[in-house]
Amino acid sequence: MGLNEKKDICLLFSGEDFTDRSDIDALRMSGHEFSSDNASYLVHLYEEMGSGFFEKLNGWFSGVLLDLRDQKFILFNDRYGINRLYYHENAGGFYFSSEAKALLKILPGTRQLDLRSVGEVLCCEAVLENRSLFSGISLLPAGSSWVFARGKPVKKQTYFKREAWESQPELSESDFYEKLKETWTRVLPRYFAGKQSIGLSLTGGVDSRMILAWAPSSPGTLPCYTWGGKYRDCADVKIARRTAKLCQQPHNTIAVDGEFLSAFPVLAERAVYISDGTLDVTGALDLYVQRLARQIAPVRLSGVCGGEILRRLVMFKPDSPQQGVFDSELERSFRDGAVTYARELQGSHKLSFTSFKQAPWYMASKFSVERSQVTYRTPYFDNELVALAYQTPAKLLNNEPALRLIADGNPRLARIGTDRGIAFRSIPGVTQALHQYQEFTFKAEYAYDYGMPQWLARLDHVFAPLRLEKLFLGRHKVAHFRVWYRDEMSSYLKEMLLDPLTLQRPYLRAHSLEKIIEGHVTGYRNYTSEINKILMLELIQRKLINLN
């Protein structure tokens, strides 16, 4: 909590702000006194700038500002809406919380699922348009600063308009790269600030390697880590271990092994609970590895969303579950969800969709679980970098700028290929062959795991004694829920989903659910996606709705 000198302005702030140091130094020069160990400077920034201070903020955050001078109260969040705030309005007042579950506890009328939202999360893996799974509960829109004053209606306003970024001119290829390099080298050190130790979540891709190439860290002071699987060292582990060693930084492999599988039932419950039901049970893995990452360093620095920002990658899309599992009314909502998704995507600038819709509606669910264990940082959501990304020329919406930036930061890192076989200086024939091989193994692993078609599942069942999955699994991924549900987790599946309580849910068709479980655990069908979602719904009922 921050107070100004006169104690007539109070700020409650959740999250981190990466405002430029020059703005903070200017406050001290103006005579303001505050600690360098926290965000108390924000109160003084508000004193100097008024409501314009919100647009200065840079990071993922939410908060409450009480201004006794003007007898007003301001509820706000970051411009991307990643630090979620839930709210409910009724005749009795306005209620808000950083977690939907808190509202469920005090508002009985909200303790029911919203059919439209459930359809969207089952079809799109996200609730769209700033709604929540629960009746009457919504998300505060991105970049909000809602003003409450006695005797006046709530002033629902936004402090940032993304049109200001969308209207920027596209730069030439040379100008864009020079501006990218200048911006990157200037903003990256912000994410290494603070007294807590920082660990780099390192993969085989380009985005975390960009951080490593320019990290302002002495040898041996930046612990790196990578998730590893039970079958073999995946490409991420092999490459990250090599790049960390080249930069003289320690590297750890965080293994997803039998210990995770044993803890899965409890972890799945916690992941669904923490995310307010917006992340399915695969979030158990995120919860598990983040707990281990915290033992290495309490701050996790990640290259996450580099592709979404610099290359405008859309990471989710409609994919309806198997027909006949859910009741007809819920199945109709899948189609409605797909229509809503298409409208939101088509009506947006591609980067605005990934930054201001995909990030708060889809990515924030995963972030909420991860951030429950570590302080999570990524430089790719720095305001200056996102603003610049809107000026990217079409020909550079690929890996080329990242590979070049890595080469400029550390030429030796650029000579190591990525997990998809891409390198800065390609060797004619060799680099292309390596890329094609890695692409084949990536797609083959998907087809033999999460995305296994039903005809292949039946064939795999015939050859089950040969354990063919060992040929494919673990080359790129560490999560293998198709196999786990079939083998190690089969008893848990039956206990949860064949429970009479589950089979009686009005939105499920009990006979179809029984056939799904039988087909999957015996190995002749693949219903991984459906099982993920049905487990999520059941845990929402048990841990969020019925528990309250």
Protein backbone atom coordinates (compact mmCIF):
# COMPACT_ATOMS: atom_id res chain seq x y z
CA MET A 1 0.00 0.00 0.00
CA GLY A 2 1.24 3.47 -0.86
CA LEU A 3 0.39 6.82 0.75
CA ASN A 4 1.37 10.32 -0.23
CA GLU A 5 2.93 12.76 2.23
CA LYS A 6 -0.43 14.31 3.19
CA LYS A 7 -2.06 10.88 3.51
CA ASP A 8 -5.00 11.91 1.37
CA ILE A 9 -4.14 9.57 -1.51
CA CYS A 10 -3.92 5.81 -0.97
CA LEU A 11 -2.97 3.18 -3.54
CA LEU A 12 -3.39 -0.60 -3.41
CA PHE A 13 -1.36 -2.08 -6.27
CA SER A 14 -1.08 -5.72 -7.35
CA GLY A 15 1.52 -6.68 -9.94
CA GLU A 16 4.68 -5.04 -11.27
CA ASP A 17 5.35 -1.76 -13.03
CA PHE A 18 8.33 -1.23 -15.35
CA THR A 19 8.06 2.53 -15.76
CA ASP A 20 11.22 4.13 -17.13
CA ARG A 21 13.66 5.12 -14.38
CA SER A 22 13.83 8.69 -15.67
CA ASP A 23 10.19 9.25 -14.64
CA ILE A 24 10.92 7.95 -11.15
CA ASP A 25 14.06 10.08 -10.82
CA ALA A 26 12.05 13.15 -11.86
CA LEU A 27 9.70 12.56 -8.92
CA ARG A 28 12.59 12.74 -6.46
CA MET A 29 13.84 15.91 -8.09
CA SER A 30 10.36 17.37 -7.50
CA GLY A 31 10.75 16.74 -3.76
CA HIS A 32 8.76 13.53 -3.33
CA GLU A 33 10.04 10.99 -0.82
CA PHE A 34 9.49 7.25 -1.25
CA SER A 35 11.18 3.90 -0.83
CA SER A 36 13.17 2.38 -3.66
CA ASP A 37 12.11 -1.12 -2.57
CA ASN A 38 8.45 -0.98 -3.64
CA ALA A 39 5.93 0.77 -5.87
CA SER A 40 5.13 3.62 -3.46
CA TYR A 41 6.41 6.07 -6.10
CA LEU A 42 3.18 5.43 -8.01
CA VAL A 43 1.16 7.52 -5.55
CA HIS A 44 3.42 10.47 -6.24
CA LEU A 45 3.25 9.88 -9.97
CA TYR A 46 -0.54 10.19 -9.65
CA GLU A 47 -0.13 13.42 -7.66
CA GLU A 48 1.92 14.91 -10.47
CA MET A 49 -0.05 13.62 -13.45
CA GLY A 50 -3.59 12.95 -12.23
CA SER A 51 -5.51 10.37 -14.26
CA GLY A 52 -2.84 10.61 -16.98
CA PHE A 53 -0.60 8.55 -14.72
CA PHE A 54 -2.37 5.31 -15.69
CA GLU A 55 -1.07 5.49 -19.24
CA LYS A 56 2.47 5.79 -17.87
CA LEU A 57 2.21 2.40 -16.18
CA ASN A 58 4.04 -0.45 -17.90
CA GLY A 59 3.38 -4.04 -16.88
CA TRP A 60 0.71 -6.45 -15.67
CA PHE A 61 -1.20 -5.02 -12.73
CA SER A 62 -4.49 -4.04 -11.16
CA GLY A 63 -5.34 -1.82 -8.26
CA VAL A 64 -7.49 0.58 -6.33
CA LEU A 65 -6.72 4.27 -5.89
CA LEU A 66 -8.50 6.29 -3.19
CA ASP A 67 -8.30 10.06 -3.66
CA LEU A 68 -9.75 11.82 -0.60
CA ARG A 69 -9.08 15.23 -2.13
CA ASP A 70 -11.74 14.64 -4.79
CA GLN A 71 -13.72 12.07 -2.79
CA LYS A 72 -13.32 9.43 -5.48
CA PHE A 73 -12.22 5.85 -5.85
CA ILE A 74 -10.63 4.46 -9.05
CA LEU A 75 -10.56 0.79 -10.00
CA PHE A 76 -7.96 0.05 -12.69
CA ASN A 77 -6.03 -2.68 -14.49
CA ASP A 78 -3.22 -2.98 -17.04
CA ARG A 79 -3.81 -2.04 -20.65
CA TYR A 80 -3.81 -5.70 -21.75
CA GLY A 81 -6.21 -6.91 -19.04
CA ILE A 82 -3.90 -9.72 -17.97
CA ASN A 83 -4.17 -8.93 -14.25
CA ARG A 84 -7.81 -9.90 -14.07
CA LEU A 85 -10.45 -8.10 -12.03
CA TYR A 86 -13.92 -9.66 -11.77
CA TYR A 87 -17.02 -7.65 -10.95
CA HIS A 88 -20.77 -7.98 -10.39
CA GLU A 89 -23.39 -5.25 -10.34
CA ASN A 90 -26.86 -5.43 -8.84
CA ALA A 91 -29.34 -3.17 -7.09
CA GLY A 92 -27.40 -3.57 -3.87
CA GLY A 93 -24.11 -2.30 -5.19
CA PHE A 94 -20.92 -2.96 -7.14
CA TYR A 95 -18.72 -5.89 -6.12
CA PHE A 96 -15.23 -6.64 -7.41
CA SER A 97 -12.36 -9.00 -6.71
CA SER A 98 -9.16 -10.28 -8.27
CA GLU A 99 -10.73 -13.76 -8.15
CA ALA A 100 -14.21 -14.85 -9.20
CA LYS A 101 -14.32 -17.34 -6.33
CA ALA A 102 -14.44 -14.49 -3.81
CA LEU A 103 -17.62 -13.17 -5.46
CA LEU A 104 -19.11 -16.66 -5.50
CA LYS A 105 -18.72 -16.83 -1.73
CA ILE A 106 -20.78 -13.71 -1.02
CA LEU A 107 -23.20 -13.64 -3.98
CA PRO A 108 -25.38 -16.79 -4.09
CA GLY A 109 -27.02 -15.73 -7.34
CA THR A 110 -23.73 -16.07 -9.23
CA ARG A 111 -23.20 -19.72 -8.27
CA GLN A 112 -24.37 -21.14 -11.56
CA LEU A 113 -22.63 -21.66 -14.86
CA ASP A 114 -23.38 -19.35 -17.77
CA LEU A 115 -24.28 -21.63 -20.69
CA ARG A 116 -22.86 -19.33 -23.35
CA SER A 117 -19.54 -19.00 -21.52
CA VAL A 118 -19.31 -22.75 -20.89
CA GLY A 119 -19.84 -23.35 -24.60
CA GLU A 120 -17.02 -20.95 -25.43
CA VAL A 121 -14.54 -22.47 -22.98
CA LEU A 122 -15.33 -25.98 -24.28
CA CYS A 123 -15.09 -24.88 -27.91
CA CYS A 124 -12.39 -22.17 -27.78
CA GLU A 125 -10.63 -22.91 -24.45
CA ALA A 126 -11.46 -19.34 -23.41
CA VAL A 127 -14.43 -17.29 -22.32
CA LEU A 128 -14.76 -14.43 -24.80
CA GLU A 129 -15.83 -10.79 -24.66
CA ASN A 130 -14.85 -10.13 -21.04
CA ARG A 131 -17.42 -12.52 -19.60
CA SER A 132 -16.76 -15.21 -16.98
CA LEU A 133 -18.03 -18.75 -16.51
CA PHE A 134 -20.42 -17.61 -13.80
CA SER A 135 -23.79 -15.94 -14.08
CA GLY A 136 -23.60 -12.18 -13.67
CA ILE A 137 -19.82 -11.98 -13.21
CA SER A 138 -17.73 -10.14 -15.82
CA LEU A 139 -14.11 -9.14 -16.37
CA LEU A 140 -13.02 -5.53 -16.13
CA PRO A 141 -12.09 -4.58 -19.73
CA ALA A 142 -8.42 -4.07 -20.53
CA GLY A 143 -7.04 -0.61 -19.76
CA SER A 144 -9.90 0.41 -17.48
CA SER A 145 -9.92 3.22 -14.93
CA TRP A 146 -13.45 3.20 -13.53
CA VAL A 147 -14.26 6.13 -11.27
CA PHE A 148 -16.64 5.85 -8.30
CA ALA A 149 -17.87 8.98 -6.52
CA ARG A 150 -20.59 9.39 -3.92
CA GLY A 151 -23.99 10.09 -5.44
CA LYS A 152 -22.78 9.66 -9.03
CA PRO A 153 -23.04 6.77 -11.50
CA VAL A 154 -19.90 4.78 -12.12
CA LYS A 155 -17.76 6.41 -14.81
CA LYS A 156 -16.65 3.44 -16.89
CA GLN A 157 -13.74 4.68 -18.94
CA THR A 158 -10.52 3.41 -20.47
CA TYR A 159 -7.21 5.23 -20.22
CA PHE A 160 -5.66 3.65 -23.30
CA LYS A 161 -6.95 3.35 -26.86
CA ARG A 162 -5.15 0.77 -28.98
CA GLU A 163 -6.08 2.77 -32.09
CA ALA A 164 -3.15 5.05 -31.19
CA TRP A 165 -0.80 2.14 -31.88
CA GLU A 166 -2.76 0.76 -34.83
CA SER A 167 -2.55 4.08 -36.69
CA GLN A 168 1.26 4.15 -36.72
CA PRO A 169 2.92 3.86 -40.15
CA GLU A 170 4.71 0.68 -41.16
CA LEU A 171 8.50 1.07 -41.10
CA SER A 172 10.97 -0.01 -43.75
CA GLU A 173 12.78 -3.27 -43.05
CA SER A 174 16.07 -1.57 -42.18
CA ASP A 175 14.46 1.13 -40.04
CA PHE A 176 12.36 -1.41 -38.19
CA TYR A 177 15.30 -3.62 -37.31
CA GLU A 178 17.41 -0.72 -36.05
CA LYS A 179 14.49 0.53 -33.95
CA LEU A 180 13.87 -3.00 -32.64
CA LYS A 181 17.50 -3.40 -31.61
CA GLU A 182 17.59 -0.01 -29.90
CA THR A 183 14.31 -0.65 -28.06
CA TRP A 184 15.20 -4.20 -27.03
CA THR A 185 18.59 -3.31 -25.59
CA ARG A 186 17.09 -0.40 -23.69
CA VAL A 187 14.00 -2.06 -22.18
CA LEU A 188 15.38 -5.54 -21.40
CA PRO A 189 17.38 -4.47 -18.30
CA ARG A 190 14.10 -3.34 -16.68
CA TYR A 191 13.13 -6.99 -16.31
CA PHE A 192 16.33 -7.85 -14.45
CA ALA A 193 15.73 -5.19 -11.78
CA GLY A 194 14.94 -5.84 -8.13
CA LYS A 195 16.49 -7.60 -5.17
CA GLN A 196 14.98 -11.05 -5.75
CA SER A 197 16.97 -13.62 -7.69
CA ILE A 198 15.88 -14.23 -11.28
CA GLY A 199 15.80 -17.46 -13.25
CA LEU A 200 15.49 -17.65 -17.04
CA SER A 201 12.97 -20.13 -18.40
CA LEU A 202 14.99 -21.25 -21.41
CA THR A 203 13.68 -23.21 -24.40
CA GLY A 204 14.99 -24.21 -27.80
CA GLY A 205 13.17 -21.35 -29.53
CA VAL A 206 14.25 -17.84 -30.41
CA ASP A 207 12.32 -15.76 -27.87
CA SER A 208 14.05 -16.88 -24.67
CA ARG A 209 17.36 -16.96 -26.53
CA MET A 210 16.96 -13.28 -27.41
CA ILE A 211 16.86 -12.61 -23.67
CA LEU A 212 19.93 -14.77 -23.05
CA ALA A 213 21.89 -13.08 -25.86
CA TRP A 214 21.42 -9.64 -24.31
CA ALA A 215 21.06 -10.49 -20.62
CA PRO A 216 22.92 -7.98 -18.39
CA SER A 217 24.14 -10.85 -16.20
CA SER A 218 27.66 -11.90 -15.30
CA PRO A 219 28.67 -15.54 -15.90
CA GLY A 220 27.20 -17.88 -13.30
CA THR A 221 24.59 -15.41 -12.03
CA LEU A 222 21.56 -16.24 -14.20
CA PRO A 223 20.21 -19.73 -13.43
CA CYS A 224 18.42 -21.21 -16.43
CA TYR A 225 15.94 -24.06 -16.46
CA THR A 226 13.85 -26.07 -18.90
CA TRP A 227 10.97 -28.52 -18.51
CA GLY A 228 11.96 -32.11 -19.28
CA GLY A 229 9.95 -35.30 -19.84
CA LYS A 230 10.14 -38.94 -18.79
CA TYR A 231 10.96 -40.57 -22.14
CA ARG A 232 14.08 -38.66 -23.24
CA ASP A 233 15.67 -35.21 -23.24
CA CYS A 234 13.42 -33.17 -25.50
CA ALA A 235 14.77 -30.68 -28.05
CA ASP A 236 14.19 -27.79 -25.63
CA VAL A 237 16.36 -29.41 -22.96
CA LYS A 238 19.19 -30.34 -25.33
CA ILE A 239 19.37 -26.90 -26.91
CA ALA A 240 18.82 -24.88 -23.72
CA ARG A 241 21.52 -26.84 -21.90
CA ARG A 242 23.92 -26.06 -24.74
CA THR A 243 23.08 -22.35 -25.00
CA ALA A 244 23.27 -21.83 -21.24
CA LYS A 245 26.68 -23.51 -21.13
CA LEU A 246 27.92 -21.35 -23.99
CA CYS A 247 26.95 -18.25 -21.96
CA GLN A 248 28.52 -19.72 -18.80
CA GLN A 249 25.19 -19.83 -16.96
CA PRO A 250 23.98 -22.78 -14.84
CA HIS A 251 21.19 -24.93 -16.26
CA ASN A 252 18.65 -27.20 -14.57
CA THR A 253 16.16 -29.63 -16.05
CA ILE A 254 12.84 -29.65 -14.20
CA ALA A 255 11.51 -33.16 -14.77
CA VAL A 256 7.85 -33.98 -15.34
CA ASP A 257 7.94 -37.56 -14.12
CA GLY A 258 6.23 -40.07 -11.86
CA GLU A 259 6.09 -37.60 -8.99
CA PHE A 260 3.89 -35.33 -11.09
CA LEU A 261 1.64 -38.20 -12.13
CA SER A 262 1.13 -39.20 -8.49
CA ALA A 263 0.27 -35.64 -7.51
CA PHE A 264 -1.98 -34.98 -10.51
CA PRO A 265 -5.39 -35.29 -8.78
CA VAL A 266 -4.52 -32.64 -6.20
CA LEU A 267 -2.70 -30.43 -8.70
CA ALA A 268 -5.62 -30.56 -11.14
CA GLU A 269 -8.03 -29.40 -8.43
CA ARG A 270 -5.73 -26.53 -7.50
CA ALA A 271 -5.17 -25.43 -11.10
CA VAL A 272 -8.89 -25.26 -11.84
CA TYR A 273 -9.53 -23.49 -8.53
CA ILE A 274 -6.74 -20.92 -8.93
CA SER A 275 -7.77 -20.08 -12.51
CA ASP A 276 -11.45 -19.72 -11.53
CA GLY A 277 -12.24 -22.56 -13.90
CA THR A 278 -10.78 -20.98 -17.03
CA LEU A 279 -7.81 -23.37 -17.35
CA ASP A 280 -8.44 -27.07 -17.81
CA VAL A 281 -6.71 -29.82 -15.83
CA THR A 282 -3.57 -29.68 -17.97
CA GLY A 283 -2.80 -26.63 -15.83
CA ALA A 284 -1.73 -29.14 -13.19
CA LEU A 285 1.55 -29.42 -15.07
CA ASP A 286 2.04 -25.63 -15.01
CA LEU A 287 1.44 -25.59 -11.28
CA TYR A 288 3.90 -28.44 -10.72
CA VAL A 289 6.83 -27.03 -12.70
CA GLN A 290 6.39 -23.50 -11.35
CA ARG A 291 6.67 -24.77 -7.78
CA LEU A 292 9.99 -26.37 -8.68
CA ALA A 293 11.10 -23.28 -10.60
CA ARG A 294 10.55 -21.17 -7.49
CA GLN A 295 13.11 -23.30 -5.65
CA ILE A 296 15.66 -22.12 -8.22
CA ALA A 297 14.61 -18.44 -8.23
CA PRO A 298 11.45 -16.63 -7.09
CA VAL A 299 11.31 -14.53 -10.28
CA ARG A 300 10.74 -16.34 -13.57
CA LEU A 301 11.87 -14.45 -16.67
CA SER A 302 10.36 -15.97 -19.80
CA GLY A 303 10.26 -15.51 -23.55
CA VAL A 304 6.55 -16.26 -23.53
CA CYS A 305 4.45 -14.29 -26.04
CA GLY A 306 7.44 -13.30 -28.16
CA GLY A 307 5.78 -15.00 -31.11
CA GLU A 308 2.39 -13.53 -30.31
CA ILE A 309 3.79 -9.99 -30.26
CA LEU A 310 6.64 -9.97 -32.80
CA ARG A 311 5.10 -12.48 -35.23
CA ARG A 312 1.38 -12.01 -34.39
CA LEU A 313 0.76 -15.70 -33.73
CA VAL A 314 -2.80 -16.67 -32.86
CA MET A 315 -2.59 -19.52 -30.35
CA PHE A 316 -6.20 -20.60 -29.95
CA LYS A 317 -9.14 -21.29 -32.23
CA PRO A 318 -12.51 -23.07 -32.10
CA ASP A 319 -12.41 -26.85 -31.91
CA SER A 320 -15.67 -28.37 -30.72
CA PRO A 321 -15.63 -31.53 -28.58
CA GLN A 322 -16.95 -34.86 -29.84
CA GLN A 323 -20.64 -34.64 -30.73
CA GLY A 324 -23.00 -36.57 -28.48
CA VAL A 325 -21.09 -36.09 -25.23
CA PHE A 326 -22.88 -32.95 -24.06
CA ASP A 327 -26.58 -32.15 -24.14
CA SER A 328 -27.98 -30.57 -27.31
CA GLU A 329 -28.41 -27.07 -25.86
CA LEU A 330 -24.77 -26.92 -24.79
CA GLU A 331 -23.65 -28.30 -28.15
CA ARG A 332 -25.49 -25.46 -29.90
CA SER A 333 -23.48 -23.02 -27.82
CA PHE A 334 -20.30 -24.43 -29.40
CA ARG A 335 -21.43 -23.06 -32.75
CA ASP A 336 -22.29 -19.73 -31.16
CA GLY A 337 -18.81 -19.63 -29.62
CA ALA A 338 -17.18 -20.25 -32.98
CA VAL A 339 -19.21 -17.41 -34.52
CA THR A 340 -18.23 -15.03 -31.70
CA TYR A 341 -14.56 -15.99 -32.07
CA ALA A 342 -14.63 -15.39 -35.84
CA ARG A 343 -16.26 -11.99 -35.35
CA GLU A 344 -13.66 -10.92 -32.78
CA LEU A 345 -10.77 -12.09 -34.95
CA GLN A 346 -12.03 -10.63 -38.22
CA GLY A 347 -12.90 -7.30 -36.63
CA SER A 348 -9.44 -6.74 -35.18
CA HIS A 349 -5.95 -5.78 -36.23
CA LYS A 350 -4.04 -9.08 -35.94
CA LEU A 351 -1.68 -7.73 -33.28
CA SER A 352 -4.57 -6.14 -31.39
CA PHE A 353 -6.27 -9.54 -31.31
CA THR A 354 -3.20 -11.28 -29.85
CA SER A 355 -2.43 -8.46 -27.40
CA PHE A 356 -5.84 -7.28 -26.23
CA LYS A 357 -8.07 -10.33 -26.72
CA GLN A 358 -5.97 -13.48 -26.83
CA ALA A 359 -3.84 -12.32 -23.90
CA PRO A 360 -6.62 -11.53 -21.37
CA TRP A 361 -9.15 -14.14 -22.48
CA TYR A 362 -6.85 -17.10 -23.21
CA MET A 363 -3.27 -16.61 -22.02
CA ALA A 364 -4.17 -15.00 -18.68
CA SER A 365 -5.75 -18.26 -17.49
CA LYS A 366 -2.40 -20.03 -17.71
CA PHE A 367 -0.60 -16.99 -16.31
CA SER A 368 -2.86 -16.95 -13.24
CA VAL A 369 -1.75 -20.46 -12.28
CA GLU A 370 1.91 -19.80 -13.01
CA ARG A 371 1.89 -16.47 -11.17
CA SER A 372 0.48 -18.15 -8.07
CA GLN A 373 3.92 -19.72 -7.62
CA VAL A 374 6.47 -17.30 -9.10
CA THR A 375 6.83 -13.64 -9.97
CA TYR A 376 6.38 -13.86 -13.72
CA ARG A 377 8.09 -11.50 -16.14
CA THR A 378 8.30 -11.27 -19.90
CA PRO A 379 9.81 -8.31 -21.78
CA TYR A 380 7.58 -8.97 -24.77
CA PHE A 381 4.66 -7.12 -23.19
CA ASP A 382 6.71 -4.01 -22.54
CA ASN A 383 4.63 -1.09 -23.81
CA GLU A 384 7.44 0.27 -25.97
CA LEU A 385 8.06 -3.09 -27.62
CA VAL A 386 4.38 -3.77 -28.31
CA ALA A 387 3.93 -0.27 -29.74
CA LEU A 388 6.89 -0.86 -32.07
CA ALA A 389 5.54 -4.26 -33.13
CA TYR A 390 2.61 -2.49 -34.79
CA GLN A 391 5.13 -0.97 -37.22
CA THR A 392 6.60 -4.29 -38.32
CA PRO A 393 6.85 -4.60 -42.12
CA ALA A 394 4.97 -7.63 -43.47
CA LYS A 395 8.17 -9.31 -44.71
CA LEU A 396 9.58 -9.40 -41.16
CA LEU A 397 6.64 -11.14 -39.48
CA ASN A 398 8.83 -14.21 -39.07
CA ASN A 399 11.90 -15.39 -37.14
CA GLU A 400 14.38 -13.29 -39.12
CA PRO A 401 14.50 -10.23 -36.80
CA ALA A 402 14.86 -12.43 -33.72
CA LEU A 403 17.65 -14.52 -35.27
CA ARG A 404 19.50 -11.39 -36.35
CA LEU A 405 19.10 -9.80 -32.92
CA ILE A 406 20.50 -12.95 -31.29
CA ALA A 407 23.48 -12.81 -33.66
CA ASP A 408 24.12 -9.16 -32.83
CA GLY A 409 23.95 -9.90 -29.10
CA ASN A 410 25.98 -13.11 -29.09
CA PRO A 411 27.19 -14.46 -32.45
CA ARG A 412 27.94 -17.90 -31.00
CA LEU A 413 24.31 -18.35 -29.90
CA ALA A 414 23.16 -17.63 -33.44
CA ARG A 415 25.06 -20.63 -34.77
CA ILE A 416 22.95 -23.05 -32.72
CA GLY A 417 19.76 -24.15 -34.48
CA THR A 418 16.36 -23.86 -32.82
CA ASP A 419 14.06 -26.69 -31.78
CA ARG A 420 12.51 -26.43 -35.26
CA GLY A 421 15.87 -26.60 -37.04
CA ILE A 422 16.10 -22.88 -37.90
CA ALA A 423 19.43 -21.02 -37.76
CA PHE A 424 20.63 -17.50 -38.62
CA ARG A 425 23.28 -18.51 -41.13
CA SER A 426 21.85 -21.49 -42.97
CA ILE A 427 24.01 -24.10 -44.66
CA PRO A 428 22.53 -24.85 -48.10
CA GLY A 429 20.72 -28.18 -48.00
CA VAL A 430 21.73 -29.06 -44.44
CA THR A 431 19.66 -26.46 -42.57
CA GLN A 432 16.58 -27.16 -44.69
CA ALA A 433 16.92 -30.90 -44.15
CA LEU A 434 17.27 -30.42 -40.39
CA HIS A 435 14.23 -28.12 -40.36
CA GLN A 436 12.14 -30.66 -42.27
CA TYR A 437 13.23 -33.45 -39.92
CA GLN A 438 12.32 -31.43 -36.83
CA GLU A 439 8.97 -30.48 -38.37
CA PHE A 440 8.26 -34.15 -39.08
CA THR A 441 9.09 -35.25 -35.53
CA PHE A 442 7.02 -32.39 -34.11
CA LYS A 443 3.95 -33.33 -36.14
CA ALA A 444 4.48 -37.05 -35.59
CA GLU A 445 4.59 -36.56 -31.83
CA TYR A 446 1.36 -34.57 -31.93
CA ALA A 447 -0.31 -37.22 -34.08
CA TYR A 448 0.81 -39.96 -31.72
CA ASP A 449 -0.29 -38.13 -28.61
CA TYR A 450 -2.88 -35.38 -28.12
CA GLY A 451 -3.96 -35.28 -31.77
CA MET A 452 -4.05 -39.02 -32.51
CA PRO A 453 -6.89 -39.70 -35.00
CA GLN A 454 -9.32 -42.47 -34.09
CA TRP A 455 -8.18 -44.81 -36.88
CA LEU A 456 -4.60 -44.59 -35.60
CA ALA A 457 -5.77 -45.15 -32.02
CA ARG A 458 -7.40 -48.43 -33.09
CA LEU A 459 -4.24 -49.46 -34.92
CA ASP A 460 -2.05 -48.49 -31.97
CA HIS A 461 -4.28 -50.61 -29.72
CA VAL A 462 -3.53 -53.66 -31.87
CA PHE A 463 0.22 -53.09 -31.51
CA ALA A 464 0.03 -52.00 -27.85
CA PRO A 465 2.58 -54.60 -26.61
CA LEU A 466 5.24 -52.90 -28.77
CA ARG A 467 4.79 -49.56 -26.94
CA LEU A 468 5.28 -47.62 -30.16
CA GLU A 469 4.75 -44.32 -28.35
CA LYS A 470 8.31 -44.56 -27.09
CA LEU A 471 9.49 -43.94 -30.66
CA PHE A 472 7.69 -40.60 -30.89
CA LEU A 473 6.90 -39.12 -27.50
CA GLY A 474 9.19 -36.73 -25.68
CA ARG A 475 11.06 -35.34 -28.67
CA HIS A 476 9.42 -31.92 -28.35
CA LYS A 477 6.77 -32.10 -25.61
CA VAL A 478 6.82 -33.06 -21.94
CA ALA A 479 3.06 -33.53 -21.45
CA HIS A 480 1.50 -36.74 -22.77
CA PHE A 481 -2.02 -36.81 -21.42
CA ARG A 482 -3.37 -39.29 -23.97
CA VAL A 483 -1.02 -41.97 -22.70
CA TRP A 484 -1.29 -40.89 -19.08
CA TYR A 485 -5.10 -41.04 -19.13
CA ARG A 486 -4.87 -44.49 -20.70
CA ASP A 487 -2.33 -45.83 -18.20
CA GLU A 488 -1.22 -44.10 -14.98
CA MET A 489 -4.32 -41.92 -14.54
CA SER A 490 -6.97 -44.41 -15.66
CA SER A 491 -8.12 -45.21 -12.12
CA TYR A 492 -8.48 -41.52 -11.32
CA LEU A 493 -10.52 -40.98 -14.50
CA LYS A 494 -12.94 -43.74 -13.61
CA GLU A 495 -13.25 -42.55 -10.02
CA MET A 496 -14.02 -38.98 -11.07
CA LEU A 497 -15.99 -39.30 -14.28
CA LEU A 498 -17.94 -42.50 -13.62
CA ASP A 499 -19.00 -41.23 -10.22
CA PRO A 500 -22.85 -41.08 -10.06
CA LEU A 501 -22.54 -37.41 -9.13
CA THR A 502 -20.73 -36.68 -12.40
CA LEU A 503 -22.99 -38.85 -14.53
CA GLN A 504 -26.04 -36.96 -13.26
CA ARG A 505 -24.83 -33.55 -14.47
CA PRO A 506 -27.60 -32.12 -16.69
CA TYR A 507 -25.21 -30.99 -19.42
CA LEU A 508 -23.65 -34.47 -19.88
CA ARG A 509 -24.98 -37.57 -21.61
CA ALA A 510 -24.10 -40.31 -19.16
CA HIS A 511 -24.06 -43.20 -21.64
CA SER A 512 -21.75 -41.32 -24.02
CA LEU A 513 -19.42 -40.40 -21.17
CA GLU A 514 -19.17 -44.04 -20.09
CA LYS A 515 -18.27 -45.04 -23.66
CA ILE A 516 -15.63 -42.31 -23.85
CA ILE A 517 -13.92 -43.44 -20.67
CA GLU A 518 -14.04 -47.10 -21.69
CA GLY A 519 -12.68 -46.36 -25.16
CA HIS A 520 -9.82 -44.22 -23.92
CA VAL A 521 -8.57 -46.28 -20.96
CA THR A 522 -8.61 -49.47 -23.04
CA GLY A 523 -6.54 -47.65 -25.65
CA TYR A 524 -8.61 -48.05 -28.81
CA ARG A 525 -9.94 -44.47 -28.87
CA ASN A 526 -8.48 -41.02 -28.22
CA TYR A 527 -10.65 -38.62 -26.23
CA THR A 528 -7.89 -36.60 -24.57
CA SER A 529 -9.42 -33.22 -25.37
CA GLU A 530 -12.90 -34.22 -24.20
CA ILE A 531 -11.54 -35.73 -20.98
CA ASN A 532 -9.58 -32.56 -20.20
CA LYS A 533 -12.72 -30.48 -20.50
CA ILE A 534 -15.12 -32.81 -18.71
CA LEU A 535 -12.70 -33.10 -15.79
CA MET A 536 -12.45 -29.31 -15.70
CA LEU A 537 -16.24 -28.91 -15.60
CA GLU A 538 -16.58 -31.46 -12.82
CA LEU A 539 -13.91 -29.77 -10.72
CA ILE A 540 -15.59 -26.40 -11.29
CA GLN A 541 -18.80 -27.87 -9.91
CA ARG A 542 -17.12 -29.47 -6.91
CA LYS A 543 -14.51 -26.85 -5.98
CA LEU A 544 -16.03 -23.54 -7.05
CA ILE A 545 -19.82 -23.85 -7.13
CA ASN A 546 -20.84 -26.56 -4.67
CA LEU A 547 -18.07 -25.69 -2.20
CA ASN A 548 -19.58 -22.24 -1.82
